[in-house]
N, C-alpha and C. Protein backbone atom coordinates (compact mmCIF):
# COMPACT_ATOMS: atom_id res chain seq x y z
N ALA A 1 95.95 134.44 107.51
CA ALA A 1 96.30 135.84 107.70
C ALA A 1 97.15 136.35 106.53
N ALA A 2 97.83 135.47 105.82
CA ALA A 2 98.67 135.89 104.70
C ALA A 2 97.85 136.09 103.43
N GLY A 3 96.58 135.74 103.47
CA GLY A 3 95.72 135.92 102.31
C GLY A 3 95.92 134.87 101.23
N LEU A 4 96.45 133.74 101.60
CA LEU A 4 96.68 132.66 100.63
C LEU A 4 95.38 131.95 100.29
N THR A 5 95.32 131.41 99.08
CA THR A 5 94.16 130.62 98.66
C THR A 5 94.16 129.30 99.43
N LEU A 6 92.99 128.97 99.99
CA LEU A 6 92.83 127.73 100.75
C LEU A 6 91.76 126.86 100.09
N ASN A 7 92.00 125.57 100.09
CA ASN A 7 91.02 124.60 99.61
C ASN A 7 91.41 123.26 100.24
N ASP A 8 90.86 122.97 101.42
CA ASP A 8 91.26 121.80 102.20
C ASP A 8 92.77 121.83 102.46
N GLY A 9 93.29 123.00 102.74
CA GLY A 9 94.71 123.22 102.96
C GLY A 9 95.18 124.40 102.12
N VAL A 10 96.47 124.69 102.20
CA VAL A 10 97.06 125.78 101.42
C VAL A 10 97.26 125.29 100.00
N VAL A 11 96.64 125.94 99.04
CA VAL A 11 96.72 125.53 97.64
C VAL A 11 98.13 125.80 97.12
N ILE A 12 98.75 124.74 96.53
CA ILE A 12 100.06 124.89 95.91
C ILE A 12 99.99 124.42 94.46
N ASP A 13 100.94 124.92 93.66
CA ASP A 13 101.04 124.48 92.27
C ASP A 13 102.08 123.37 92.17
N GLU A 14 102.45 123.00 90.95
CA GLU A 14 103.39 121.90 90.74
C GLU A 14 104.82 122.24 91.18
N HIS A 15 105.05 123.51 91.58
CA HIS A 15 106.36 123.94 92.07
C HIS A 15 106.34 124.22 93.57
N ALA A 16 105.24 123.88 94.24
CA ALA A 16 105.03 124.12 95.68
C ALA A 16 104.78 125.59 95.99
N ARG A 17 104.53 126.41 94.97
CA ARG A 17 104.21 127.83 95.19
C ARG A 17 102.74 127.97 95.59
N THR A 18 102.49 128.92 96.48
CA THR A 18 101.12 129.23 96.88
C THR A 18 100.58 130.31 95.95
N SER A 19 99.42 130.86 96.29
CA SER A 19 98.85 131.95 95.48
C SER A 19 99.70 133.22 95.56
N ASP A 20 100.57 133.29 96.55
CA ASP A 20 101.58 134.36 96.62
C ASP A 20 102.89 133.72 96.16
N PRO A 21 103.41 134.08 94.98
CA PRO A 21 104.59 133.40 94.42
C PRO A 21 105.84 133.50 95.30
N ALA A 22 105.83 134.38 96.31
CA ALA A 22 106.97 134.49 97.21
C ALA A 22 106.88 133.50 98.37
N ILE A 23 105.77 132.76 98.46
CA ILE A 23 105.56 131.82 99.56
C ILE A 23 105.36 130.41 99.00
N VAL A 24 106.08 129.46 99.57
CA VAL A 24 105.89 128.04 99.22
C VAL A 24 105.30 127.33 100.42
N ALA A 25 104.71 126.19 100.18
CA ALA A 25 104.16 125.37 101.26
C ALA A 25 104.45 123.90 100.96
N ALA A 26 104.60 123.13 102.01
CA ALA A 26 104.87 121.70 101.87
C ALA A 26 104.34 120.97 103.09
N GLY A 27 104.07 119.70 102.92
CA GLY A 27 103.66 118.87 104.04
C GLY A 27 102.15 118.75 104.18
N ASP A 28 101.74 118.42 105.40
CA ASP A 28 100.33 118.12 105.67
C ASP A 28 99.39 119.27 105.35
N CYS A 29 99.88 120.51 105.38
CA CYS A 29 99.00 121.67 105.14
C CYS A 29 98.79 121.94 103.66
N ALA A 30 99.62 121.36 102.78
CA ALA A 30 99.61 121.71 101.36
C ALA A 30 98.59 120.87 100.59
N SER A 31 97.83 121.54 99.75
CA SER A 31 96.81 120.90 98.92
C SER A 31 97.21 121.07 97.46
N LYS A 32 97.43 119.95 96.78
CA LYS A 32 97.87 120.04 95.38
C LYS A 32 96.94 119.23 94.48
N TYR A 33 96.89 119.66 93.23
CA TYR A 33 96.07 118.99 92.23
C TYR A 33 96.87 117.84 91.62
N ILE A 34 96.26 116.66 91.58
CA ILE A 34 96.89 115.50 90.95
C ILE A 34 96.04 115.13 89.75
N SER A 35 96.57 115.39 88.57
CA SER A 35 95.78 115.22 87.34
C SER A 35 95.35 113.77 87.13
N ARG A 36 96.17 112.81 87.48
CA ARG A 36 95.80 111.40 87.30
C ARG A 36 94.50 111.07 88.02
N TYR A 37 94.28 111.70 89.18
CA TYR A 37 93.08 111.41 89.96
C TYR A 37 92.02 112.50 89.80
N GLY A 38 92.35 113.56 89.08
CA GLY A 38 91.38 114.59 88.76
C GLY A 38 90.86 115.36 89.96
N ARG A 39 91.70 115.51 90.97
CA ARG A 39 91.25 116.24 92.14
C ARG A 39 92.43 116.77 92.96
N ARG A 40 92.12 117.68 93.82
CA ARG A 40 93.08 118.28 94.73
C ARG A 40 93.12 117.44 96.01
N VAL A 41 94.31 117.20 96.55
CA VAL A 41 94.45 116.39 97.77
C VAL A 41 95.53 116.95 98.68
N ARG A 42 95.39 116.65 99.94
CA ARG A 42 96.47 116.84 100.91
C ARG A 42 97.01 115.45 101.21
N LEU A 43 98.30 115.27 101.06
CA LEU A 43 98.92 113.97 101.34
C LEU A 43 99.57 114.03 102.71
N GLU A 44 98.92 113.47 103.67
CA GLU A 44 99.42 113.51 105.04
C GLU A 44 100.27 112.27 105.29
N CYS A 45 101.48 112.30 104.72
CA CYS A 45 102.37 111.16 104.85
C CYS A 45 103.81 111.62 104.70
N VAL A 46 104.73 110.84 105.21
CA VAL A 46 106.16 111.19 105.16
C VAL A 46 106.67 111.31 103.73
N PRO A 47 106.40 110.34 102.83
CA PRO A 47 106.93 110.49 101.46
C PRO A 47 106.42 111.74 100.76
N GLY A 48 105.14 112.06 100.94
CA GLY A 48 104.57 113.25 100.31
C GLY A 48 105.22 114.51 100.84
N ALA A 49 105.41 114.59 102.15
CA ALA A 49 106.03 115.77 102.76
C ALA A 49 107.48 115.91 102.30
N THR A 50 108.20 114.80 102.21
CA THR A 50 109.60 114.83 101.77
C THR A 50 109.70 115.32 100.33
N ASP A 51 108.86 114.77 99.45
CA ASP A 51 108.87 115.20 98.04
C ASP A 51 108.53 116.68 97.91
N GLN A 52 107.51 117.12 98.64
CA GLN A 52 107.11 118.53 98.56
C GLN A 52 108.19 119.44 99.14
N ALA A 53 108.88 119.01 100.20
CA ALA A 53 109.94 119.83 100.79
C ALA A 53 111.09 120.02 99.80
N LYS A 54 111.46 118.97 99.09
CA LYS A 54 112.52 119.08 98.08
C LYS A 54 112.10 120.04 96.97
N LEU A 55 110.85 119.93 96.56
CA LEU A 55 110.32 120.80 95.52
C LEU A 55 110.29 122.26 95.99
N ALA A 56 109.83 122.48 97.20
CA ALA A 56 109.77 123.83 97.76
C ALA A 56 111.17 124.43 97.88
N ALA A 57 112.13 123.63 98.34
CA ALA A 57 113.51 124.10 98.48
C ALA A 57 114.08 124.49 97.11
N ALA A 58 113.85 123.66 96.11
CA ALA A 58 114.33 123.97 94.75
C ALA A 58 113.71 125.27 94.25
N THR A 59 112.42 125.46 94.49
CA THR A 59 111.73 126.67 94.06
C THR A 59 112.33 127.90 94.76
N LEU A 60 112.55 127.80 96.07
CA LEU A 60 113.13 128.91 96.82
C LEU A 60 114.55 129.25 96.37
N CYS A 61 115.26 128.23 95.87
CA CYS A 61 116.64 128.44 95.40
C CYS A 61 116.70 128.86 93.94
N GLY A 62 115.52 129.10 93.34
CA GLY A 62 115.48 129.52 91.95
C GLY A 62 115.70 128.41 90.96
N LYS A 63 115.62 127.19 91.40
CA LYS A 63 115.80 126.02 90.54
C LYS A 63 114.46 125.31 90.40
N SER A 64 113.47 126.10 90.10
CA SER A 64 112.11 125.60 90.06
C SER A 64 111.96 124.47 89.06
N LYS A 65 111.54 123.36 89.55
CA LYS A 65 111.26 122.21 88.70
C LYS A 65 109.91 121.67 89.13
N SER A 66 109.21 121.10 88.19
CA SER A 66 107.94 120.49 88.57
C SER A 66 108.16 118.99 88.68
N ALA A 67 107.46 118.41 89.58
CA ALA A 67 107.56 116.97 89.78
C ALA A 67 106.19 116.42 90.12
N VAL A 68 105.86 115.36 89.49
CA VAL A 68 104.61 114.67 89.80
C VAL A 68 105.01 113.35 90.44
N SER A 69 104.87 113.29 91.75
CA SER A 69 105.24 112.07 92.45
C SER A 69 103.99 111.27 92.78
N LEU A 70 104.17 109.99 92.83
CA LEU A 70 103.06 109.09 93.14
C LEU A 70 102.80 109.09 94.64
N PRO A 71 101.56 109.30 95.05
CA PRO A 71 101.26 109.17 96.48
C PRO A 71 101.48 107.72 96.91
N TRP A 72 102.20 107.53 98.00
CA TRP A 72 102.35 106.19 98.56
C TRP A 72 102.47 106.28 100.07
N PHE A 73 102.07 105.21 100.72
CA PHE A 73 101.95 105.19 102.16
C PHE A 73 102.33 103.82 102.70
N TRP A 74 102.65 103.76 103.98
CA TRP A 74 102.89 102.47 104.61
C TRP A 74 102.54 102.57 106.08
N SER A 75 102.28 101.42 106.67
CA SER A 75 102.06 101.33 108.10
C SER A 75 102.38 99.90 108.53
N ASP A 76 103.11 99.78 109.63
CA ASP A 76 103.36 98.47 110.22
C ASP A 76 102.40 98.30 111.38
N GLN A 77 101.60 97.24 111.31
CA GLN A 77 100.64 96.93 112.35
C GLN A 77 100.96 95.53 112.89
N TYR A 78 101.77 95.49 113.92
CA TYR A 78 102.26 94.24 114.49
C TYR A 78 102.96 93.45 113.38
N ASP A 79 102.45 92.29 113.01
CA ASP A 79 103.12 91.47 111.99
C ASP A 79 102.62 91.77 110.58
N LEU A 80 101.79 92.77 110.43
CA LEU A 80 101.26 93.12 109.12
C LEU A 80 101.92 94.41 108.60
N LYS A 81 102.36 94.37 107.37
CA LYS A 81 102.89 95.56 106.71
C LYS A 81 101.89 95.96 105.63
N LEU A 82 101.28 97.12 105.83
CA LEU A 82 100.35 97.68 104.86
C LEU A 82 101.13 98.67 104.01
N GLN A 83 101.12 98.48 102.69
CA GLN A 83 101.77 99.41 101.77
C GLN A 83 100.74 99.77 100.70
N ILE A 84 100.63 101.07 100.44
CA ILE A 84 99.64 101.57 99.49
C ILE A 84 100.36 102.40 98.44
N ALA A 85 100.09 102.10 97.19
CA ALA A 85 100.63 102.87 96.06
C ALA A 85 99.46 103.52 95.35
N GLY A 86 99.52 104.84 95.15
CA GLY A 86 98.45 105.54 94.46
C GLY A 86 97.26 105.80 95.36
N LEU A 87 96.21 106.35 94.76
CA LEU A 87 94.97 106.65 95.48
C LEU A 87 93.84 105.83 94.88
N ASN A 88 93.10 105.12 95.72
CA ASN A 88 92.05 104.24 95.21
C ASN A 88 90.72 104.99 95.07
N THR A 89 90.75 106.08 94.33
CA THR A 89 89.53 106.82 94.02
C THR A 89 89.32 106.81 92.51
N GLY A 90 88.07 106.72 92.11
CA GLY A 90 87.74 106.75 90.68
C GLY A 90 87.95 105.44 89.96
N TYR A 91 88.11 104.35 90.69
CA TYR A 91 88.32 103.05 90.05
C TYR A 91 86.99 102.46 89.59
N ASP A 92 87.06 101.56 88.60
CA ASP A 92 85.85 100.86 88.16
C ASP A 92 85.99 99.35 88.28
N GLU A 93 87.14 98.89 88.78
CA GLU A 93 87.36 97.45 88.95
C GLU A 93 88.40 97.22 90.04
N VAL A 94 88.19 96.16 90.81
CA VAL A 94 89.17 95.74 91.81
C VAL A 94 89.57 94.31 91.50
N VAL A 95 90.88 94.08 91.43
CA VAL A 95 91.41 92.74 91.23
C VAL A 95 92.07 92.33 92.54
N LEU A 96 91.64 91.20 93.08
CA LEU A 96 92.14 90.71 94.36
C LEU A 96 93.12 89.57 94.12
N SER A 97 94.27 89.67 94.75
CA SER A 97 95.27 88.60 94.70
C SER A 97 95.45 88.08 96.11
N GLY A 98 95.11 86.84 96.32
CA GLY A 98 95.15 86.26 97.65
C GLY A 98 93.75 86.25 98.25
N ASP A 99 93.64 85.66 99.43
CA ASP A 99 92.36 85.54 100.12
C ASP A 99 92.45 86.20 101.49
N PRO A 100 91.92 87.42 101.62
CA PRO A 100 92.03 88.12 102.90
C PRO A 100 91.28 87.45 104.05
N THR A 101 90.38 86.55 103.76
CA THR A 101 89.66 85.84 104.82
C THR A 101 90.48 84.67 105.37
N ARG A 102 91.54 84.31 104.64
CA ARG A 102 92.32 83.14 105.03
C ARG A 102 93.81 83.44 105.19
N ASP A 103 94.32 84.33 104.35
CA ASP A 103 95.76 84.57 104.30
C ASP A 103 96.15 85.86 105.03
N ARG A 104 97.42 85.95 105.43
CA ARG A 104 97.95 87.16 106.05
C ARG A 104 98.74 87.98 105.04
N ASP A 105 98.60 87.62 103.75
CA ASP A 105 99.22 88.41 102.68
C ASP A 105 98.28 88.39 101.48
N PHE A 106 97.97 89.59 100.99
CA PHE A 106 97.11 89.73 99.82
C PHE A 106 97.26 91.15 99.29
N SER A 107 96.77 91.36 98.07
CA SER A 107 96.79 92.69 97.46
C SER A 107 95.48 92.97 96.76
N CYS A 108 95.05 94.22 96.82
CA CYS A 108 93.90 94.71 96.07
C CYS A 108 94.43 95.72 95.05
N PHE A 109 94.15 95.46 93.79
CA PHE A 109 94.59 96.34 92.71
C PHE A 109 93.37 97.08 92.18
N TYR A 110 93.47 98.40 92.08
CA TYR A 110 92.35 99.24 91.65
C TYR A 110 92.63 99.75 90.25
N LEU A 111 91.69 99.46 89.32
CA LEU A 111 91.86 99.85 87.93
C LEU A 111 90.74 100.77 87.47
N ARG A 112 91.04 101.61 86.49
CA ARG A 112 90.03 102.42 85.81
C ARG A 112 90.29 102.27 84.32
N GLY A 113 89.33 101.71 83.62
CA GLY A 113 89.49 101.49 82.19
C GLY A 113 90.69 100.61 81.87
N GLY A 114 90.99 99.67 82.75
CA GLY A 114 92.11 98.76 82.56
C GLY A 114 93.45 99.30 83.02
N GLU A 115 93.51 100.59 83.42
CA GLU A 115 94.77 101.19 83.89
C GLU A 115 94.87 101.06 85.41
N LEU A 116 96.03 100.65 85.90
CA LEU A 116 96.25 100.53 87.33
C LEU A 116 96.35 101.91 87.96
N LEU A 117 95.45 102.19 88.92
CA LEU A 117 95.43 103.48 89.63
C LEU A 117 96.08 103.39 91.01
N ALA A 118 95.88 102.24 91.68
CA ALA A 118 96.33 102.11 93.06
C ALA A 118 96.41 100.64 93.45
N ALA A 119 97.12 100.38 94.54
CA ALA A 119 97.20 99.03 95.08
C ALA A 119 97.33 99.11 96.60
N ASP A 120 96.57 98.27 97.29
CA ASP A 120 96.71 98.08 98.73
C ASP A 120 97.36 96.71 98.90
N CYS A 121 98.54 96.67 99.49
CA CYS A 121 99.30 95.43 99.60
C CYS A 121 99.56 95.11 101.07
N ILE A 122 99.13 93.94 101.49
CA ILE A 122 99.35 93.48 102.85
C ILE A 122 100.41 92.38 102.81
N ASN A 123 101.55 92.66 103.44
CA ASN A 123 102.67 91.70 103.48
C ASN A 123 103.08 91.22 102.09
N ARG A 124 102.99 92.10 101.11
CA ARG A 124 103.39 91.78 99.74
C ARG A 124 104.25 92.92 99.18
N PRO A 125 105.48 93.05 99.65
CA PRO A 125 106.33 94.14 99.18
C PRO A 125 106.61 94.08 97.68
N ARG A 126 106.66 92.90 97.12
CA ARG A 126 106.92 92.78 95.68
C ARG A 126 105.76 93.38 94.88
N ASP A 127 104.53 93.10 95.29
CA ASP A 127 103.36 93.70 94.63
C ASP A 127 103.39 95.22 94.76
N PHE A 128 103.78 95.71 95.94
CA PHE A 128 103.85 97.15 96.17
C PHE A 128 104.87 97.81 95.24
N MET A 129 106.07 97.24 95.16
CA MET A 129 107.11 97.82 94.30
C MET A 129 106.69 97.78 92.84
N PHE A 130 106.10 96.67 92.41
CA PHE A 130 105.60 96.59 91.03
C PHE A 130 104.54 97.65 90.79
N SER A 131 103.62 97.81 91.72
CA SER A 131 102.52 98.75 91.56
C SER A 131 103.02 100.19 91.48
N LYS A 132 103.97 100.55 92.33
CA LYS A 132 104.54 101.91 92.26
C LYS A 132 105.11 102.18 90.87
N ARG A 133 105.86 101.21 90.36
CA ARG A 133 106.48 101.39 89.04
C ARG A 133 105.43 101.42 87.93
N ALA A 134 104.48 100.49 87.98
CA ALA A 134 103.46 100.40 86.93
C ALA A 134 102.57 101.64 86.90
N ILE A 135 102.21 102.16 88.07
CA ILE A 135 101.36 103.34 88.12
C ILE A 135 102.13 104.57 87.64
N THR A 136 103.34 104.74 88.14
CA THR A 136 104.16 105.90 87.76
C THR A 136 104.44 105.93 86.26
N GLN A 137 104.80 104.77 85.71
CA GLN A 137 105.16 104.70 84.30
C GLN A 137 103.97 104.39 83.40
N GLN A 138 102.79 104.27 84.00
CA GLN A 138 101.55 103.94 83.27
C GLN A 138 101.75 102.71 82.39
N LEU A 139 102.32 101.67 82.99
CA LEU A 139 102.57 100.41 82.28
C LEU A 139 101.27 99.63 82.12
N PRO A 140 101.13 98.91 81.02
CA PRO A 140 99.94 98.05 80.88
C PRO A 140 100.02 96.92 81.89
N VAL A 141 98.86 96.53 82.40
CA VAL A 141 98.81 95.42 83.36
C VAL A 141 97.88 94.34 82.84
N ASP A 142 98.18 93.14 83.22
CA ASP A 142 97.37 91.97 82.85
C ASP A 142 96.64 91.50 84.11
N ARG A 143 95.32 91.44 84.05
CA ARG A 143 94.52 91.05 85.22
C ARG A 143 94.92 89.68 85.76
N ALA A 144 95.20 88.74 84.86
CA ALA A 144 95.59 87.40 85.29
C ALA A 144 96.90 87.44 86.08
N GLU A 145 97.86 88.28 85.63
CA GLU A 145 99.11 88.42 86.36
C GLU A 145 98.89 89.08 87.71
N LEU A 146 98.01 90.08 87.75
CA LEU A 146 97.72 90.73 89.03
C LEU A 146 97.15 89.73 90.03
N MET A 147 96.27 88.86 89.57
CA MET A 147 95.66 87.87 90.45
C MET A 147 96.70 86.91 91.03
N LEU A 148 97.77 86.68 90.27
CA LEU A 148 98.84 85.80 90.74
C LEU A 148 99.80 86.50 91.68
N GLY A 149 99.66 87.81 91.81
CA GLY A 149 100.59 88.55 92.66
C GLY A 149 101.93 88.68 91.98
N GLY A 150 102.99 88.75 92.78
CA GLY A 150 104.32 88.95 92.26
C GLY A 150 104.91 87.78 91.51
N LEU A 151 104.27 86.62 91.57
CA LEU A 151 104.85 85.42 90.97
C LEU A 151 105.01 85.52 89.48
N ALA A 152 104.13 86.23 88.80
CA ALA A 152 104.16 86.26 87.32
C ALA A 152 104.97 87.43 86.78
N ARG A 153 105.50 88.29 87.67
CA ARG A 153 106.21 89.47 87.21
C ARG A 153 107.71 89.31 87.39
N SER A 154 108.42 90.02 86.52
CA SER A 154 109.88 90.02 86.65
C SER A 154 110.33 91.10 87.60
């Protein structure tokens, strides 16, 4: 009813502004473009909503700053902790650390052109923390180290 641009949610820019610069949006309804993944997404998760709320508040207070935060997610399923860093879209290679058919802890690392895009980590918080940092800072990764999991990293 407000006449805002919609595209799988309310379209926002890097400052959480909608197509009407007097209106901001944040949370599950907000659709933002993430250049690393080359597409617009709605991040339906607590970290995404928190980051967008801070950005929207800063914009409303006239302290407009842009922030590109890494999408990340988690879920506890009984004794399994699933932690996801990044979005596993557009990858051309998957590196598996651990054996999901045998172990209760393993990680899947998603790469595109050798660059780490995302990681799905099951009961491997060290892999998750490394992945968040490596993806955010676009650090080079070594496939052999990824296969070893957190053991080869500092």
